[in-house]
PDB file of N, CA and C in Angstrom:
ATOM      1  N   MET A   1      38.358  -2.242  20.785  1.00  0.00           N
ATOM      2  CA  MET A   1      37.320  -1.227  20.730  1.00  0.00           C
ATOM      3  C   MET A   1      37.014  -0.849  19.280  1.00  0.00           C
ATOM      4  N   GLU A   2      38.039  -0.798  18.472  1.00  0.00           N
ATOM      5  CA  GLU A   2      37.866  -0.449  17.071  1.00  0.00           C
ATOM      6  C   GLU A   2      36.996  -1.477  16.352  1.00  0.00           C
ATOM      7  N   GLN A   3      37.168  -2.735  16.717  1.00  0.00           N
ATOM      8  CA  GLN A   3      36.389  -3.801  16.090  1.00  0.00           C
ATOM      9  C   GLN A   3      34.904  -3.672  16.443  1.00  0.00           C
ATOM     10  N   ILE A   4      34.605  -3.215  17.651  1.00  0.00           N
ATOM     11  CA  ILE A   4      33.197  -3.016  18.054  1.00  0.00           C
ATOM     12  C   ILE A   4      32.556  -1.957  17.168  1.00  0.00           C
ATOM     13  N   PHE A   5      33.288  -0.876  16.892  1.00  0.00           N
ATOM     14  CA  PHE A   5      32.752   0.167  16.022  1.00  0.00           C
ATOM     15  C   PHE A   5      32.545  -0.342  14.596  1.00  0.00           C
ATOM     16  N   GLU A   6      33.419  -1.213  14.151  1.00  0.00           N
ATOM     17  CA  GLU A   6      33.251  -1.798  12.827  1.00  0.00           C
ATOM     18  C   GLU A   6      31.990  -2.652  12.760  1.00  0.00           C
ATOM     19  N   PHE A   7      31.768  -3.459  13.799  1.00  0.00           N
ATOM     20  CA  PHE A   7      30.558  -4.286  13.826  1.00  0.00           C
ATOM     21  C   PHE A   7      29.312  -3.408  13.889  1.00  0.00           C
ATOM     22  N   ALA A   8      29.358  -2.360  14.685  1.00  0.00           N
ATOM     23  CA  ALA A   8      28.197  -1.468  14.810  1.00  0.00           C
ATOM     24  C   ALA A   8      27.885  -0.801  13.481  1.00  0.00           C
ATOM     25  N   SER A   9      28.916  -0.365  12.786  1.00  0.00           N
ATOM     26  CA  SER A   9      28.661   0.291  11.505  1.00  0.00           C
ATOM     27  C   SER A   9      28.228  -0.706  10.439  1.00  0.00           C
ATOM     28  N   SER A  10      28.702  -1.938  10.539  1.00  0.00           N
ATOM     29  CA  SER A  10      28.341  -2.951   9.548  1.00  0.00           C
ATOM     30  C   SER A  10      26.954  -3.523   9.782  1.00  0.00           C
ATOM     31  N   TYR A  11      26.618  -3.776  11.034  1.00  0.00           N
ATOM     32  CA  TYR A  11      25.364  -4.446  11.346  1.00  0.00           C
ATOM     33  C   TYR A  11      24.321  -3.521  11.950  1.00  0.00           C
ATOM     34  N   GLY A  12      24.678  -2.311  12.276  1.00  0.00           N
ATOM     35  CA  GLY A  12      23.750  -1.385  12.916  1.00  0.00           C
ATOM     36  C   GLY A  12      22.553  -1.044  12.046  1.00  0.00           C
ATOM     37  N   PHE A  13      22.801  -0.618  10.832  1.00  0.00           N
ATOM     38  CA  PHE A  13      21.705  -0.218   9.955  1.00  0.00           C
ATOM     39  C   PHE A  13      20.765  -1.379   9.639  1.00  0.00           C
ATOM     40  N   PRO A  14      21.269  -2.558   9.262  1.00  0.00           N
ATOM     41  CA  PRO A  14      20.342  -3.665   9.011  1.00  0.00           C
ATOM     42  C   PRO A  14      19.516  -4.055  10.235  1.00  0.00           C
ATOM     43  N   MET A  15      20.108  -3.966  11.421  1.00  0.00           N
ATOM     44  CA  MET A  15      19.341  -4.297  12.629  1.00  0.00           C
ATOM     45  C   MET A  15      18.243  -3.270  12.874  1.00  0.00           C
ATOM     46  N   VAL A  16      18.550  -2.010  12.639  1.00  0.00           N
ATOM     47  CA  VAL A  16      17.536  -0.967  12.816  1.00  0.00           C
ATOM     48  C   VAL A  16      16.391  -1.183  11.838  1.00  0.00           C
ATOM     49  N   VAL A  17      16.699  -1.492  10.607  1.00  0.00           N
ATOM     50  CA  VAL A  17      15.659  -1.739   9.602  1.00  0.00           C
ATOM     51  C   VAL A  17      14.831  -2.963   9.976  1.00  0.00           C
ATOM     52  N   ALA A  18      15.475  -4.025  10.445  1.00  0.00           N
ATOM     53  CA  ALA A  18      14.755  -5.239  10.824  1.00  0.00           C
ATOM     54  C   ALA A  18      13.807  -4.971  11.982  1.00  0.00           C
ATOM     55  N   VAL A  19      14.258  -4.244  12.982  1.00  0.00           N
ATOM     56  CA  VAL A  19      13.392  -3.926  14.124  1.00  0.00           C
ATOM     57  C   VAL A  19      12.214  -3.061  13.671  1.00  0.00           C
ATOM     58  N   TYR A  20      12.481  -2.092  12.832  1.00  0.00           N
ATOM     59  CA  TYR A  20      11.413  -1.227  12.321  1.00  0.00           C
ATOM     60  C   TYR A  20      10.353  -2.041  11.577  1.00  0.00           C
ATOM     61  N   LEU A  21      10.795  -2.943  10.718  1.00  0.00           N
ATOM     62  CA  LEU A  21       9.846  -3.760   9.960  1.00  0.00           C
ATOM     63  C   LEU A  21       9.067  -4.706  10.870  1.00  0.00           C
ATOM     64  N   LEU A  22       9.720  -5.273  11.870  1.00  0.00           N
ATOM     65  CA  LEU A  22       9.029  -6.167  12.796  1.00  0.00           C
ATOM     66  C   LEU A  22       7.973  -5.416  13.600  1.00  0.00           C
ATOM     67  N   VAL A  23       8.276  -4.208  14.019  1.00  0.00           N
ATOM     68  CA  VAL A  23       7.310  -3.418  14.781  1.00  0.00           C
ATOM     69  C   VAL A  23       6.107  -3.072  13.902  1.00  0.00           C
ATOM     70  N   ARG A  24       6.377  -2.689  12.676  1.00  0.00           N
ATOM     71  CA  ARG A  24       5.262  -2.364  11.765  1.00  0.00           C
ATOM     72  C   ARG A  24       4.410  -3.591  11.467  1.00  0.00           C
ATOM     73  N   MET A  25       5.057  -4.716  11.299  1.00  0.00           N
ATOM     74  CA  MET A  25       4.325  -5.927  10.959  1.00  0.00           C
ATOM     75  C   MET A  25       3.517  -6.473  12.131  1.00  0.00           C
ATOM     76  N   GLU A  26       3.950  -6.176  13.343  1.00  0.00           N
ATOM     77  CA  GLU A  26       3.234  -6.687  14.521  1.00  0.00           C
ATOM     78  C   GLU A  26       1.789  -6.213  14.528  1.00  0.00           C
ATOM     79  N   ALA A  27       1.571  -4.952  14.231  1.00  0.00           N
ATOM     80  CA  ALA A  27       0.207  -4.417  14.208  1.00  0.00           C
ATOM     81  C   ALA A  27      -0.619  -5.094  13.119  1.00  0.00           C
ATOM     82  N   ARG A  28      -0.030  -5.328  11.983  1.00  0.00           N
ATOM     83  CA  ARG A  28      -0.752  -5.986  10.890  1.00  0.00           C
ATOM     84  C   ARG A  28      -1.069  -7.437  11.229  1.00  0.00           C
ATOM     85  N   LEU A  29      -0.140  -8.101  11.905  1.00  0.00           N
ATOM     86  CA  LEU A  29      -0.381  -9.488  12.298  1.00  0.00           C
ATOM     87  C   LEU A  29      -1.502  -9.584  13.333  1.00  0.00           C
ATOM     88  N   GLU A  30      -1.561  -8.619  14.246  1.00  0.00           N
ATOM     89  CA  GLU A  30      -2.648  -8.605  15.224  1.00  0.00           C
ATOM     90  C   GLU A  30      -3.991  -8.403  14.534  1.00  0.00           C
ATOM     91  N   THR A  31      -4.034  -7.509  13.559  1.00  0.00           N
ATOM     92  CA  THR A  31      -5.266  -7.282  12.800  1.00  0.00           C
ATOM     93  C   THR A  31      -5.654  -8.532  12.022  1.00  0.00           C
ATOM     94  N   LEU A  32      -4.689  -9.186  11.420  1.00  0.00           N
ATOM     95  CA  LEU A  32      -4.943 -10.412  10.674  1.00  0.00           C
ATOM     96  C   LEU A  32      -5.472 -11.507  11.586  1.00  0.00           C
ATOM     97  N   ALA A  33      -4.892 -11.651  12.761  1.00  0.00           N
ATOM     98  CA  ALA A  33      -5.348 -12.662  13.720  1.00  0.00           C
ATOM     99  C   ALA A  33      -6.781 -12.385  14.154  1.00  0.00           C
ATOM    100  N   ALA A  34      -7.102 -11.124  14.400  1.00  0.00           N
ATOM    101  CA  ALA A  34      -8.469 -10.765  14.785  1.00  0.00           C
ATOM    102  C   ALA A  34      -9.449 -11.071  13.656  1.00  0.00           C
ATOM    103  N   SER A  35      -9.064 -10.799  12.428  1.00  0.00           N
ATOM    104  CA  SER A  35      -9.930 -11.090  11.280  1.00  0.00           C
ATOM    105  C   SER A  35     -10.148 -12.589  11.114  1.00  0.00           C
ATOM    106  N   ILE A  36      -9.118 -13.368  11.307  1.00  0.00           N
ATOM    107  CA  ILE A  36      -9.245 -14.824  11.198  1.00  0.00           C
ATOM    108  C   ILE A  36     -10.158 -15.361  12.291  1.00  0.00           C
ATOM    109  N   ASN A  37     -10.007 -14.833  13.502  1.00  0.00           N
ATOM    110  CA  ASN A  37     -10.883 -15.262  14.599  1.00  0.00           C
ATOM    111  C   ASN A  37     -12.334 -14.901  14.323  1.00  0.00           C
ATOM    112  N   GLU A  38     -12.567 -13.721  13.789  1.00  0.00           N
ATOM    113  CA  GLU A  38     -13.930 -13.303  13.446  1.00  0.00           C
ATOM    114  C   GLU A  38     -14.503 -14.187  12.341  1.00  0.00           C
ATOM    115  N   LEU A  39     -13.709 -14.506  11.349  1.00  0.00           N
ATOM    116  CA  LEU A  39     -14.146 -15.381  10.275  1.00  0.00           C
ATOM    117  C   LEU A  39     -14.507 -16.763  10.815  1.00  0.00           C
ATOM    118  N   ALA A  40     -13.684 -17.293  11.692  1.00  0.00           N
ATOM    119  CA  ALA A  40     -13.962 -18.604  12.280  1.00  0.00           C
ATOM    120  C   ALA A  40     -15.266 -18.566  13.075  1.00  0.00           C
ATOM    121  N   ARG A  41     -15.493 -17.455  13.797  1.00  0.00           N
ATOM    122  CA  ARG A  41     -16.734 -17.327  14.571  1.00  0.00           C
ATOM    123  C   ARG A  41     -17.950 -17.287  13.653  1.00  0.00           C
ATOM    124  N   VAL A  42     -17.877 -16.536  12.566  1.00  0.00           N
ATOM    125  CA  VAL A  42     -18.992 -16.436  11.627  1.00  0.00           C
ATOM    126  C   VAL A  42     -19.260 -17.778  10.968  1.00  0.00           C
ATOM    127  N   ILE A  43     -18.231 -18.482  10.579  1.00  0.00           N
ATOM    128  CA  ILE A  43     -18.398 -19.798   9.963  1.00  0.00           C
ATOM    129  C   ILE A  43     -19.028 -20.771  10.942  1.00  0.00           C
ATOM    130  N   ALA A  44     -18.580 -20.729  12.187  1.00  0.00           N
ATOM    131  CA  ALA A  44     -19.126 -21.631  13.205  1.00  0.00           C
ATOM    132  C   ALA A  44     -20.608 -21.343  13.461  1.00  0.00           C
ATOM    133  N   GLU A  45     -21.017 -20.081  13.399  1.00  0.00           N
ATOM    134  CA  GLU A  45     -22.414 -19.729  13.608  1.00  0.00           C
ATOM    135  C   GLU A  45     -23.287 -20.257  12.466  1.00  0.00           C
ATOM    136  N   ARG A  46     -22.785 -20.284  11.277  1.00  0.00           N
ATOM    137  CA  ARG A  46     -23.571 -20.699  10.116  1.00  0.00           C
ATOM    138  C   ARG A  46     -23.673 -22.216   9.991  1.00  0.00           C
ATOM    139  N   LEU A  47     -22.782 -22.926  10.654  1.00  0.00           N
ATOM    140  CA  LEU A  47     -22.841 -24.383  10.588  1.00  0.00           C
ATOM    141  C   LEU A  47     -23.715 -24.847  11.667  1.00  0.00           C
TER     142      LEU A  47
END
């Protein structure tokens, strides 16, 4: 049981930070994907 607490204290904070960053980045990636799709549509219309 003591070893579980050691792992939680050692890896807990980095995992929380990683999840936080992934959640924040998800919204930005969705916006980026939408912008790329819009750009592709505009380019296709002009050709």
